[in-house]
Amino acid sequence: MAVRFCPRCGTLLRPRRVGGELQLYCVKCGYHEIAKSIEPYSVKAEVRRNPKDKILVLESSQQPATAQIVKGISCPKCGNEEAYFWMIQTRAADEPPTRFYRCTKCGHTWREYA
């Protein structure tokens, strides 16, 4: 049996047994149909995601190639007025990216949410 998608909403149809027959059903809209053949069919019901899966790790002396030097930003640690600046999309796509700064003098890194 090939993987099937709901004709109404496009969600993956999941297998279940009802009264001895195999059905494919949609968890989103409730659509169901009788499965034509019984072959091994498995779907992982839950996807687990570790929030730390997409962490960007930078060595203390590195910054991304896209980093630019900006003046007029005060380092909260040493008060220096010059820092490297870069932006990374750390949250959902419909939210603004996170701005990172790294002091050119002491190397302290901090972030700013828009």
PDB file of N, CA and C in Angstrom:
ATOM      1  N   MET A   1       0.855  -1.171   0.000  1.00  0.00           N
ATOM      2  CA  MET A   1       0.000   0.000   0.000  1.00  0.00           C
ATOM      3  C   MET A   1       0.900   1.233   0.000  1.00  0.00           C
ATOM      4  N   ALA A   2       0.631   2.143  -0.875  1.00  0.00           N
ATOM      5  CA  ALA A   2       1.395   3.381  -0.943  1.00  0.00           C
ATOM      6  C   ALA A   2       0.885   4.357   0.119  1.00  0.00           C
ATOM      7  N   VAL A   3       1.719   5.282   0.472  1.00  0.00           N
ATOM      8  CA  VAL A   3       1.315   6.318   1.409  1.00  0.00           C
ATOM      9  C   VAL A   3       0.220   7.143   0.751  1.00  0.00           C
ATOM     10  N   ARG A   4      -0.827   7.422   1.518  1.00  0.00           N
ATOM     11  CA  ARG A   4      -1.960   8.175   0.965  1.00  0.00           C
ATOM     12  C   ARG A   4      -2.176   9.441   1.771  1.00  0.00           C
ATOM     13  N   PHE A   5      -2.671  10.464   1.067  1.00  0.00           N
ATOM     14  CA  PHE A   5      -2.973  11.734   1.706  1.00  0.00           C
ATOM     15  C   PHE A   5      -4.455  12.028   1.577  1.00  0.00           C
ATOM     16  N   CYS A   6      -4.991  12.753   2.532  1.00  0.00           N
ATOM     17  CA  CYS A   6      -6.411  13.092   2.565  1.00  0.00           C
ATOM     18  C   CYS A   6      -6.764  13.936   1.338  1.00  0.00           C
ATOM     19  N   PRO A   7      -7.816  13.549   0.586  1.00  0.00           N
ATOM     20  CA  PRO A   7      -8.213  14.342  -0.576  1.00  0.00           C
ATOM     21  C   PRO A   7      -8.865  15.675  -0.190  1.00  0.00           C
ATOM     22  N   ARG A   8      -9.304  15.813   1.056  1.00  0.00           N
ATOM     23  CA  ARG A   8      -9.931  17.062   1.506  1.00  0.00           C
ATOM     24  C   ARG A   8      -8.915  18.105   1.960  1.00  0.00           C
ATOM     25  N   CYS A   9      -7.983  17.683   2.852  1.00  0.00           N
ATOM     26  CA  CYS A   9      -7.084  18.668   3.464  1.00  0.00           C
ATOM     27  C   CYS A   9      -5.601  18.405   3.224  1.00  0.00           C
ATOM     28  N   GLY A  10      -5.228  17.258   2.653  1.00  0.00           N
ATOM     29  CA  GLY A  10      -3.844  16.973   2.327  1.00  0.00           C
ATOM     30  C   GLY A  10      -3.017  16.377   3.452  1.00  0.00           C
ATOM     31  N   THR A  11      -3.634  16.058   4.591  1.00  0.00           N
ATOM     32  CA  THR A  11      -2.924  15.461   5.716  1.00  0.00           C
ATOM     33  C   THR A  11      -2.665  13.985   5.444  1.00  0.00           C
ATOM     34  N   LEU A  12      -1.547  13.460   5.963  1.00  0.00           N
ATOM     35  CA  LEU A  12      -1.223  12.049   5.819  1.00  0.00           C
ATOM     36  C   LEU A  12      -2.313  11.198   6.458  1.00  0.00           C
ATOM     37  N   LEU A  13      -2.839  10.212   5.712  1.00  0.00           N
ATOM     38  CA  LEU A  13      -3.852   9.308   6.261  1.00  0.00           C
ATOM     39  C   LEU A  13      -3.165   8.268   7.125  1.00  0.00           C
ATOM     40  N   ARG A  14      -3.769   7.956   8.271  1.00  0.00           N
ATOM     41  CA  ARG A  14      -3.202   6.994   9.216  1.00  0.00           C
ATOM     42  C   ARG A  14      -4.047   5.727   9.222  1.00  0.00           C
ATOM     43  N   PRO A  15      -3.412   4.570   9.434  1.00  0.00           N
ATOM     44  CA  PRO A  15      -4.163   3.316   9.455  1.00  0.00           C
ATOM     45  C   PRO A  15      -4.821   3.064  10.805  1.00  0.00           C
ATOM     46  N   ARG A  16      -5.941   2.357  10.766  1.00  0.00           N
ATOM     47  CA  ARG A  16      -6.588   1.877  11.995  1.00  0.00           C
ATOM     48  C   ARG A  16      -7.479   0.706  11.627  1.00  0.00           C
ATOM     49  N   ARG A  17      -7.738  -0.156  12.589  1.00  0.00           N
ATOM     50  CA  ARG A  17      -8.646  -1.289  12.369  1.00  0.00           C
ATOM     51  C   ARG A  17      -9.985  -0.973  13.012  1.00  0.00           C
ATOM     52  N   VAL A  18     -11.028  -1.164  12.223  1.00  0.00           N
ATOM     53  CA  VAL A  18     -12.388  -0.967  12.717  1.00  0.00           C
ATOM     54  C   VAL A  18     -13.181  -2.206  12.339  1.00  0.00           C
ATOM     55  N   GLY A  19     -13.593  -2.981  13.333  1.00  0.00           N
ATOM     56  CA  GLY A  19     -14.382  -4.189  13.087  1.00  0.00           C
ATOM     57  C   GLY A  19     -13.665  -5.201  12.204  1.00  0.00           C
ATOM     58  N   GLY A  20     -12.369  -5.314  12.328  1.00  0.00           N
ATOM     59  CA  GLY A  20     -11.616  -6.290  11.563  1.00  0.00           C
ATOM     60  C   GLY A  20     -11.145  -5.810  10.204  1.00  0.00           C
ATOM     61  N   GLU A  21     -11.600  -4.646   9.762  1.00  0.00           N
ATOM     62  CA  GLU A  21     -11.114  -4.144   8.465  1.00  0.00           C
ATOM     63  C   GLU A  21     -10.158  -2.973   8.683  1.00  0.00           C
ATOM     64  N   LEU A  22      -9.247  -2.837   7.747  1.00  0.00           N
ATOM     65  CA  LEU A  22      -8.256  -1.783   7.825  1.00  0.00           C
ATOM     66  C   LEU A  22      -8.787  -0.538   7.136  1.00  0.00           C
ATOM     67  N   GLN A  23      -8.759   0.572   7.861  1.00  0.00           N
ATOM     68  CA  GLN A  23      -9.193   1.854   7.302  1.00  0.00           C
ATOM     69  C   GLN A  23      -8.024   2.832   7.342  1.00  0.00           C
ATOM     70  N   LEU A  24      -8.065   3.796   6.463  1.00  0.00           N
ATOM     71  CA  LEU A  24      -7.158   4.931   6.509  1.00  0.00           C
ATOM     72  C   LEU A  24      -8.000   6.130   6.898  1.00  0.00           C
ATOM     73  N   TYR A  25      -7.539   6.896   7.885  1.00  0.00           N
ATOM     74  CA  TYR A  25      -8.335   8.026   8.348  1.00  0.00           C
ATOM     75  C   TYR A  25      -7.463   9.263   8.516  1.00  0.00           C
ATOM     76  N   CYS A  26      -8.125  10.411   8.461  1.00  0.00           N
ATOM     77  CA  CYS A  26      -7.453  11.693   8.616  1.00  0.00           C
ATOM     78  C   CYS A  26      -7.733  12.214  10.026  1.00  0.00           C
ATOM     79  N   VAL A  27      -6.674  12.515  10.770  1.00  0.00           N
ATOM     80  CA  VAL A  27      -6.837  13.007  12.135  1.00  0.00           C
ATOM     81  C   VAL A  27      -7.281  14.464  12.146  1.00  0.00           C
ATOM     82  N   LYS A  28      -7.119  15.169  11.028  1.00  0.00           N
ATOM     83  CA  LYS A  28      -7.445  16.586  10.984  1.00  0.00           C
ATOM     84  C   LYS A  28      -8.921  16.836  10.651  1.00  0.00           C
ATOM     85  N   CYS A  29      -9.417  16.199   9.581  1.00  0.00           N
ATOM     86  CA  CYS A  29     -10.788  16.505   9.151  1.00  0.00           C
ATOM     87  C   CYS A  29     -11.765  15.348   9.317  1.00  0.00           C
ATOM     88  N   GLY A  30     -11.265  14.149   9.671  1.00  0.00           N
ATOM     89  CA  GLY A  30     -12.155  13.028   9.915  1.00  0.00           C
ATOM     90  C   GLY A  30     -12.443  12.159   8.702  1.00  0.00           C
ATOM     91  N   TYR A  31     -11.932  12.485   7.537  1.00  0.00           N
ATOM     92  CA  TYR A  31     -12.130  11.673   6.337  1.00  0.00           C
ATOM     93  C   TYR A  31     -11.603  10.267   6.579  1.00  0.00           C
ATOM     94  N   HIS A  32     -12.284   9.244   6.041  1.00  0.00           N
ATOM     95  CA  HIS A  32     -11.790   7.878   6.141  1.00  0.00           C
ATOM     96  C   HIS A  32     -12.183   7.088   4.901  1.00  0.00           C
ATOM     97  N   GLU A  33     -11.401   6.042   4.621  1.00  0.00           N
ATOM     98  CA  GLU A  33     -11.664   5.150   3.494  1.00  0.00           C
ATOM     99  C   GLU A  33     -11.156   3.767   3.849  1.00  0.00           C
ATOM    100  N   ILE A  34     -11.696   2.764   3.187  1.00  0.00           N
ATOM    101  CA  ILE A  34     -11.256   1.392   3.414  1.00  0.00           C
ATOM    102  C   ILE A  34      -9.967   1.175   2.635  1.00  0.00           C
ATOM    103  N   ALA A  35      -8.992   0.548   3.292  1.00  0.00           N
ATOM    104  CA  ALA A  35      -7.716   0.267   2.636  1.00  0.00           C
ATOM    105  C   ALA A  35      -7.898  -0.882   1.657  1.00  0.00           C
ATOM    106  N   LYS A  36      -7.306  -0.767   0.494  1.00  0.00           N
ATOM    107  CA  LYS A  36      -7.479  -1.772  -0.562  1.00  0.00           C
ATOM    108  C   LYS A  36      -6.706  -3.060  -0.273  1.00  0.00           C
ATOM    109  N   SER A  37      -5.528  -2.973   0.279  1.00  0.00           N
ATOM    110  CA  SER A  37      -4.728  -4.153   0.588  1.00  0.00           C
ATOM    111  C   SER A  37      -4.104  -3.985   1.960  1.00  0.00           C
ATOM    112  N   ILE A  38      -3.748  -5.129   2.540  1.00  0.00           N
ATOM    113  CA  ILE A  38      -3.147  -5.089   3.865  1.00  0.00           C
ATOM    114  C   ILE A  38      -1.671  -5.456   3.719  1.00  0.00           C
ATOM    115  N   GLU A  39      -0.833  -4.442   3.756  1.00  0.00           N
ATOM    116  CA  GLU A  39       0.619  -4.601   3.730  1.00  0.00           C
ATOM    117  C   GLU A  39       1.168  -3.899   4.961  1.00  0.00           C
ATOM    118  N   PRO A  40       2.383  -4.192   5.320  1.00  0.00           N
ATOM    119  CA  PRO A  40       2.955  -3.472   6.470  1.00  0.00           C
ATOM    120  C   PRO A  40       2.900  -1.960   6.241  1.00  0.00           C
ATOM    121  N   TYR A  41       2.378  -1.276   7.209  1.00  0.00           N
ATOM    122  CA  TYR A  41       2.158   0.166   7.098  1.00  0.00           C
ATOM    123  C   TYR A  41       2.366   0.737   8.470  1.00  0.00           C
ATOM    124  N   SER A  42       3.336   1.594   8.618  1.00  0.00           N
ATOM    125  CA  SER A  42       3.559   2.182   9.937  1.00  0.00           C
ATOM    126  C   SER A  42       3.798   3.672   9.807  1.00  0.00           C
ATOM    127  N   VAL A  43       3.300   4.387  10.788  1.00  0.00           N
ATOM    128  CA  VAL A  43       3.470   5.834  10.854  1.00  0.00           C
ATOM    129  C   VAL A  43       3.826   6.173  12.282  1.00  0.00           C
ATOM    130  N   LYS A  44       4.869   6.965  12.447  1.00  0.00           N
ATOM    131  CA  LYS A  44       5.210   7.413  13.792  1.00  0.00           C
ATOM    132  C   LYS A  44       4.207   8.497  14.164  1.00  0.00           C
ATOM    133  N   ALA A  45       3.466   8.273  15.223  1.00  0.00           N
ATOM    134  CA  ALA A  45       2.374   9.173  15.589  1.00  0.00           C
ATOM    135  C   ALA A  45       2.856  10.501  16.157  1.00  0.00           C
ATOM    136  N   GLU A  46       4.040  10.511  16.737  1.00  0.00           N
ATOM    137  CA  GLU A  46       4.502  11.724  17.382  1.00  0.00           C
ATOM    138  C   GLU A  46       5.950  12.005  16.989  1.00  0.00           C
ATOM    139  N   VAL A  47       6.227  13.214  16.652  1.00  0.00           N
ATOM    140  CA  VAL A  47       7.586  13.619  16.331  1.00  0.00           C
ATOM    141  C   VAL A  47       8.106  14.420  17.502  1.00  0.00           C
ATOM    142  N   ARG A  48       9.198  13.984  18.049  1.00  0.00           N
ATOM    143  CA  ARG A  48       9.798  14.685  19.184  1.00  0.00           C
ATOM    144  C   ARG A  48      10.959  15.525  18.680  1.00  0.00           C
ATOM    145  N   ARG A  49      11.033  16.748  19.158  1.00  0.00           N
ATOM    146  CA  ARG A  49      12.083  17.664  18.745  1.00  0.00           C
ATOM    147  C   ARG A  49      12.754  18.235  19.978  1.00  0.00           C
ATOM    148  N   ASN A  50      14.040  18.190  19.959  1.00  0.00           N
ATOM    149  CA  ASN A  50      14.811  18.767  21.046  1.00  0.00           C
ATOM    150  C   ASN A  50      15.057  20.241  20.706  1.00  0.00           C
ATOM    151  N   PRO A  51      14.691  21.183  21.561  1.00  0.00           N
ATOM    152  CA  PRO A  51      14.898  22.597  21.258  1.00  0.00           C
ATOM    153  C   PRO A  51      16.359  22.956  20.979  1.00  0.00           C
ATOM    154  N   LYS A  52      17.295  22.141  21.422  1.00  0.00           N
ATOM    155  CA  LYS A  52      18.706  22.434  21.216  1.00  0.00           C
ATOM    156  C   LYS A  52      19.224  21.905  19.876  1.00  0.00           C
ATOM    157  N   ASP A  53      18.358  21.296  19.051  1.00  0.00           N
ATOM    158  CA  ASP A  53      18.793  20.721  17.783  1.00  0.00           C
ATOM    159  C   ASP A  53      19.365  21.747  16.818  1.00  0.00           C
ATOM    160  N   LYS A  54      18.917  22.981  16.862  1.00  0.00           N
ATOM    161  CA  LYS A  54      19.341  23.973  15.888  1.00  0.00           C
ATOM    162  C   LYS A  54      20.115  25.117  16.538  1.00  0.00           C
ATOM    163  N   ILE A  55      21.023  24.787  17.402  1.00  0.00           N
ATOM    164  CA  ILE A  55      21.824  25.814  18.055  1.00  0.00           C
ATOM    165  C   ILE A  55      23.083  26.040  17.223  1.00  0.00           C
ATOM    166  N   LEU A  56      23.372  27.264  16.955  1.00  0.00           N
ATOM    167  CA  LEU A  56      24.588  27.631  16.254  1.00  0.00           C
ATOM    168  C   LEU A  56      25.673  27.867  17.288  1.00  0.00           C
ATOM    169  N   VAL A  57      26.741  27.089  17.210  1.00  0.00           N
ATOM    170  CA  VAL A  57      27.827  27.212  18.172  1.00  0.00           C
ATOM    171  C   VAL A  57      28.982  27.930  17.500  1.00  0.00           C
ATOM    172  N   LEU A  58      29.439  29.006  18.104  1.00  0.00           N
ATOM    173  CA  LEU A  58      30.567  29.773  17.596  1.00  0.00           C
ATOM    174  C   LEU A  58      31.677  29.732  18.623  1.00  0.00           C
ATOM    175  N   GLU A  59      32.885  29.543  18.156  1.00  0.00           N
ATOM    176  CA  GLU A  59      34.027  29.618  19.060  1.00  0.00           C
ATOM    177  C   GLU A  59      34.143  31.054  19.557  1.00  0.00           C
ATOM    178  N   SER A  60      34.811  31.261  20.655  1.00  0.00           N
ATOM    179  CA  SER A  60      34.870  32.590  21.257  1.00  0.00           C
ATOM    180  C   SER A  60      35.516  33.631  20.351  1.00  0.00           C
ATOM    181  N   SER A  61      36.378  33.211  19.419  1.00  0.00           N
ATOM    182  CA  SER A  61      37.041  34.175  18.558  1.00  0.00           C
ATOM    183  C   SER A  61      36.423  34.251  17.163  1.00  0.00           C
ATOM    184  N   GLN A  62      35.327  33.524  16.916  1.00  0.00           N
ATOM    185  CA  GLN A  62      34.723  33.488  15.590  1.00  0.00           C
ATOM    186  C   GLN A  62      33.419  34.264  15.542  1.00  0.00           C
ATOM    187  N   GLN A  63      33.058  34.687  14.378  1.00  0.00           N
ATOM    188  CA  GLN A  63      31.737  35.216  14.082  1.00  0.00           C
ATOM    189  C   GLN A  63      31.440  34.810  12.636  1.00  0.00           C
ATOM    190  N   PRO A  64      30.181  34.773  12.227  1.00  0.00           N
ATOM    191  CA  PRO A  64      29.850  34.370  10.865  1.00  0.00           C
ATOM    192  C   PRO A  64      30.505  35.278   9.827  1.00  0.00           C
ATOM    193  N   ALA A  65      30.668  34.757   8.623  1.00  0.00           N
ATOM    194  CA  ALA A  65      31.282  35.522   7.539  1.00  0.00           C
ATOM    195  C   ALA A  65      30.454  36.752   7.183  1.00  0.00           C
ATOM    196  N   THR A  66      29.171  36.754   7.525  1.00  0.00           N
ATOM    197  CA  THR A  66      28.289  37.876   7.214  1.00  0.00           C
ATOM    198  C   THR A  66      28.368  38.997   8.245  1.00  0.00           C
ATOM    199  N   ALA A  67      29.163  38.797   9.297  1.00  0.00           N
ATOM    200  CA  ALA A  67      29.259  39.804  10.362  1.00  0.00           C
ATOM    201  C   ALA A  67      29.890  41.092   9.839  1.00  0.00           C
ATOM    202  N   GLN A  68      29.366  42.205  10.320  1.00  0.00           N
ATOM    203  CA  GLN A  68      29.881  43.517   9.947  1.00  0.00           C
ATOM    204  C   GLN A  68      30.232  44.272  11.228  1.00  0.00           C
ATOM    205  N   ILE A  69      31.153  45.198  11.120  1.00  0.00           N
ATOM    206  CA  ILE A  69      31.493  46.025  12.287  1.00  0.00           C
ATOM    207  C   ILE A  69      30.529  47.203  12.318  1.00  0.00           C
ATOM    208  N   VAL A  70      29.987  47.458  13.499  1.00  0.00           N
ATOM    209  CA  VAL A  70      29.077  48.585  13.691  1.00  0.00           C
ATOM    210  C   VAL A  70      29.597  49.413  14.862  1.00  0.00           C
ATOM    211  N   LYS A  71      29.512  50.725  14.730  1.00  0.00           N
ATOM    212  CA  LYS A  71      29.958  51.638  15.797  1.00  0.00           C
ATOM    213  C   LYS A  71      28.737  52.259  16.457  1.00  0.00           C
ATOM    214  N   GLY A  72      28.871  52.641  17.710  1.00  0.00           N
ATOM    215  CA  GLY A  72      27.779  53.271  18.431  1.00  0.00           C
ATOM    216  C   GLY A  72      26.975  52.310  19.280  1.00  0.00           C
ATOM    217  N   ILE A  73      27.371  51.045  19.316  1.00  0.00           N
ATOM    218  CA  ILE A  73      26.730  50.054  20.177  1.00  0.00           C
ATOM    219  C   ILE A  73      27.633  49.867  21.384  1.00  0.00           C
ATOM    220  N   SER A  74      27.112  50.066  22.564  1.00  0.00           N
ATOM    221  CA  SER A  74      27.912  49.978  23.776  1.00  0.00           C
ATOM    222  C   SER A  74      27.914  48.553  24.324  1.00  0.00           C
ATOM    223  N   CYS A  75      29.107  48.005  24.515  1.00  0.00           N
ATOM    224  CA  CYS A  75      29.240  46.662  25.089  1.00  0.00           C
ATOM    225  C   CYS A  75      28.799  46.707  26.551  1.00  0.00           C
ATOM    226  N   PRO A  76      27.872  45.820  26.969  1.00  0.00           N
ATOM    227  CA  PRO A  76      27.412  45.838  28.359  1.00  0.00           C
ATOM    228  C   PRO A  76      28.486  45.397  29.352  1.00  0.00           C
ATOM    229  N   LYS A  77      29.559  44.769  28.872  1.00  0.00           N
ATOM    230  CA  LYS A  77      30.598  44.283  29.774  1.00  0.00           C
ATOM    231  C   LYS A  77      31.735  45.292  29.964  1.00  0.00           C
ATOM    232  N   CYS A  78      32.232  45.889  28.837  1.00  0.00           N
ATOM    233  CA  CYS A  78      33.396  46.774  28.973  1.00  0.00           C
ATOM    234  C   CYS A  78      33.134  48.211  28.516  1.00  0.00           C
ATOM    235  N   GLY A  79      31.979  48.464  27.888  1.00  0.00           N
ATOM    236  CA  GLY A  79      31.646  49.819  27.468  1.00  0.00           C
ATOM    237  C   GLY A  79      32.227  50.236  26.128  1.00  0.00           C
ATOM    238  N   ASN A  80      32.938  49.351  25.445  1.00  0.00           N
ATOM    239  CA  ASN A  80      33.492  49.650  24.128  1.00  0.00           C
ATOM    240  C   ASN A  80      32.367  50.017  23.151  1.00  0.00           C
ATOM    241  N   GLU A  81      32.624  50.932  22.241  1.00  0.00           N
ATOM    242  CA  GLU A  81      31.598  51.440  21.315  1.00  0.00           C
ATOM    243  C   GLU A  81      31.668  50.815  19.928  1.00  0.00           C
ATOM    244  N   GLU A  82      32.304  49.660  19.772  1.00  0.00           N
ATOM    245  CA  GLU A  82      32.426  49.002  18.471  1.00  0.00           C
ATOM    246  C   GLU A  82      32.208  47.504  18.647  1.00  0.00           C
ATOM    247  N   ALA A  83      31.395  46.900  17.747  1.00  0.00           N
ATOM    248  CA  ALA A  83      31.100  45.479  17.857  1.00  0.00           C
ATOM    249  C   ALA A  83      30.838  44.889  16.485  1.00  0.00           C
ATOM    250  N   TYR A  84      31.046  43.570  16.379  1.00  0.00           N
ATOM    251  CA  TYR A  84      30.609  42.847  15.187  1.00  0.00           C
ATOM    252  C   TYR A  84      29.107  42.651  15.317  1.00  0.00           C
ATOM    253  N   PHE A  85      28.419  42.607  14.179  1.00  0.00           N
ATOM    254  CA  PHE A  85      26.960  42.520  14.172  1.00  0.00           C
ATOM    255  C   PHE A  85      26.543  41.508  13.110  1.00  0.00           C
ATOM    256  N   TRP A  86      25.609  40.583  13.459  1.00  0.00           N
ATOM    257  CA  TRP A  86      25.021  39.672  12.482  1.00  0.00           C
ATOM    258  C   TRP A  86      23.624  39.301  12.940  1.00  0.00           C
ATOM    259  N   MET A  87      22.828  38.787  12.008  1.00  0.00           N
ATOM    260  CA  MET A  87      21.439  38.414  12.307  1.00  0.00           C
ATOM    261  C   MET A  87      21.213  36.960  11.910  1.00  0.00           C
ATOM    262  N   ILE A  88      20.434  36.249  12.744  1.00  0.00           N
ATOM    263  CA  ILE A  88      20.076  34.855  12.483  1.00  0.00           C
ATOM    264  C   ILE A  88      18.593  34.676  12.806  1.00  0.00           C
ATOM    265  N   GLN A  89      17.890  33.921  11.974  1.00  0.00           N
ATOM    266  CA  GLN A  89      16.479  33.616  12.218  1.00  0.00           C
ATOM    267  C   GLN A  89      16.412  32.505  13.254  1.00  0.00           C
ATOM    268  N   THR A  90      16.180  32.843  14.518  1.00  0.00           N
ATOM    269  CA  THR A  90      16.165  31.854  15.602  1.00  0.00           C
ATOM    270  C   THR A  90      14.764  31.449  16.015  1.00  0.00           C
ATOM    271  N   ARG A  91      13.761  32.196  15.567  1.00  0.00           N
ATOM    272  CA  ARG A  91      12.378  31.891  15.939  1.00  0.00           C
ATOM    273  C   ARG A  91      11.591  31.574  14.681  1.00  0.00           C
ATOM    274  N   ALA A  92      10.283  31.591  14.755  1.00  0.00           N
ATOM    275  CA  ALA A  92       9.429  31.275  13.606  1.00  0.00           C
ATOM    276  C   ALA A  92       9.675  32.264  12.465  1.00  0.00           C
ATOM    277  N   ALA A  93       9.389  31.834  11.257  1.00  0.00           N
ATOM    278  CA  ALA A  93       9.663  32.652  10.072  1.00  0.00           C
ATOM    279  C   ALA A  93       8.850  33.946  10.046  1.00  0.00           C
ATOM    280  N   ASP A  94       7.724  33.972  10.735  1.00  0.00           N
ATOM    281  CA  ASP A  94       6.902  35.185  10.731  1.00  0.00           C
ATOM    282  C   ASP A  94       7.324  36.188  11.815  1.00  0.00           C
ATOM    283  N   GLU A  95       8.406  35.891  12.521  1.00  0.00           N
ATOM    284  CA  GLU A  95       8.921  36.799  13.542  1.00  0.00           C
ATOM    285  C   GLU A  95      10.266  37.359  13.075  1.00  0.00           C
ATOM    286  N   PRO A  96      10.654  38.523  13.573  1.00  0.00           N
ATOM    287  CA  PRO A  96      11.915  39.123  13.118  1.00  0.00           C
ATOM    288  C   PRO A  96      13.129  38.304  13.575  1.00  0.00           C
ATOM    289  N   PRO A  97      14.249  38.411  12.844  1.00  0.00           N
ATOM    290  CA  PRO A  97      15.448  37.667  13.246  1.00  0.00           C
ATOM    291  C   PRO A  97      16.071  38.244  14.517  1.00  0.00           C
ATOM    292  N   THR A  98      16.930  37.451  15.137  1.00  0.00           N
ATOM    293  CA  THR A  98      17.648  37.867  16.332  1.00  0.00           C
ATOM    294  C   THR A  98      18.957  38.524  15.905  1.00  0.00           C
ATOM    295  N   ARG A  99      19.279  39.662  16.510  1.00  0.00           N
ATOM    296  CA  ARG A  99      20.525  40.368  16.214  1.00  0.00           C
ATOM    297  C   ARG A  99      21.564  40.007  17.275  1.00  0.00           C
ATOM    298  N   PHE A 100      22.737  39.614  16.818  1.00  0.00           N
ATOM    299  CA  PHE A 100      23.831  39.267  17.709  1.00  0.00           C
ATOM    300  C   PHE A 100      24.928  40.317  17.583  1.00  0.00           C
ATOM    301  N   TYR A 101      25.589  40.606  18.691  1.00  0.00           N
ATOM    302  CA  TYR A 101      26.711  41.538  18.719  1.00  0.00           C
ATOM    303  C   TYR A 101      27.875  40.868  19.439  1.00  0.00           C
ATOM    304  N   ARG A 102      29.112  41.116  18.978  1.00  0.00           N
ATOM    305  CA  ARG A 102      30.299  40.650  19.673  1.00  0.00           C
ATOM    306  C   ARG A 102      31.268  41.818  19.753  1.00  0.00           C
ATOM    307  N   CYS A 103      31.642  42.172  20.955  1.00  0.00           N
ATOM    308  CA  CYS A 103      32.542  43.300  21.205  1.00  0.00           C
ATOM    309  C   CYS A 103      33.900  43.050  20.549  1.00  0.00           C
ATOM    310  N   THR A 104      34.419  44.074  19.878  1.00  0.00           N
ATOM    311  CA  THR A 104      35.730  43.964  19.224  1.00  0.00           C
ATOM    312  C   THR A 104      36.879  44.043  20.234  1.00  0.00           C
ATOM    313  N   LYS A 105      36.594  44.515  21.434  1.00  0.00           N
ATOM    314  CA  LYS A 105      37.638  44.675  22.442  1.00  0.00           C
ATOM    315  C   LYS A 105      37.732  43.458  23.367  1.00  0.00           C
ATOM    316  N   CYS A 106      36.621  43.106  24.012  1.00  0.00           N
ATOM    317  CA  CYS A 106      36.650  42.025  25.012  1.00  0.00           C
ATOM    318  C   CYS A 106      36.081  40.698  24.507  1.00  0.00           C
ATOM    319  N   GLY A 107      35.395  40.697  23.355  1.00  0.00           N
ATOM    320  CA  GLY A 107      34.849  39.465  22.797  1.00  0.00           C
ATOM    321  C   GLY A 107      33.515  39.044  23.394  1.00  0.00           C
ATOM    322  N   HIS A 108      32.937  39.840  24.276  1.00  0.00           N
ATOM    323  CA  HIS A 108      31.644  39.518  24.872  1.00  0.00           C
ATOM    324  C   HIS A 108      30.568  39.494  23.781  1.00  0.00           C
ATOM    325  N   THR A 109      29.714  38.469  23.799  1.00  0.00           N
ATOM    326  CA  THR A 109      28.642  38.333  22.805  1.00  0.00           C
ATOM    327  C   THR A 109      27.304  38.488  23.504  1.00  0.00           C
ATOM    328  N   TRP A 110      26.405  39.256  22.911  1.00  0.00           N
ATOM    329  CA  TRP A 110      25.050  39.418  23.430  1.00  0.00           C
ATOM    330  C   TRP A 110      24.084  39.473  22.261  1.00  0.00           C
ATOM    331  N   ARG A 111      22.813  39.324  22.564  1.00  0.00           N
ATOM    332  CA  ARG A 111      21.785  39.316  21.529  1.00  0.00           C
ATOM    333  C   ARG A 111      20.743  40.376  21.800  1.00  0.00           C
ATOM    334  N   GLU A 112      20.024  40.715  20.751  1.00  0.00           N
ATOM    335  CA  GLU A 112      18.952  41.696  20.849  1.00  0.00           C
ATOM    336  C   GLU A 112      17.783  41.218  20.013  1.00  0.00           C
ATOM    337  N   TYR A 113      16.619  41.110  20.630  1.00  0.00           N
ATOM    338  CA  TYR A 113      15.414  40.685  19.924  1.00  0.00           C
ATOM    339  C   TYR A 113      14.690  41.921  19.398  1.00  0.00           C
ATOM    340  N   ALA A 114      14.283  41.882  18.146  1.00  0.00           N
ATOM    341  CA  ALA A 114      13.587  43.034  17.547  1.00  0.00           C
ATOM    342  C   ALA A 114      12.139  43.073  17.980  1.00  0.00           C
TER     343      ALA A 114
END
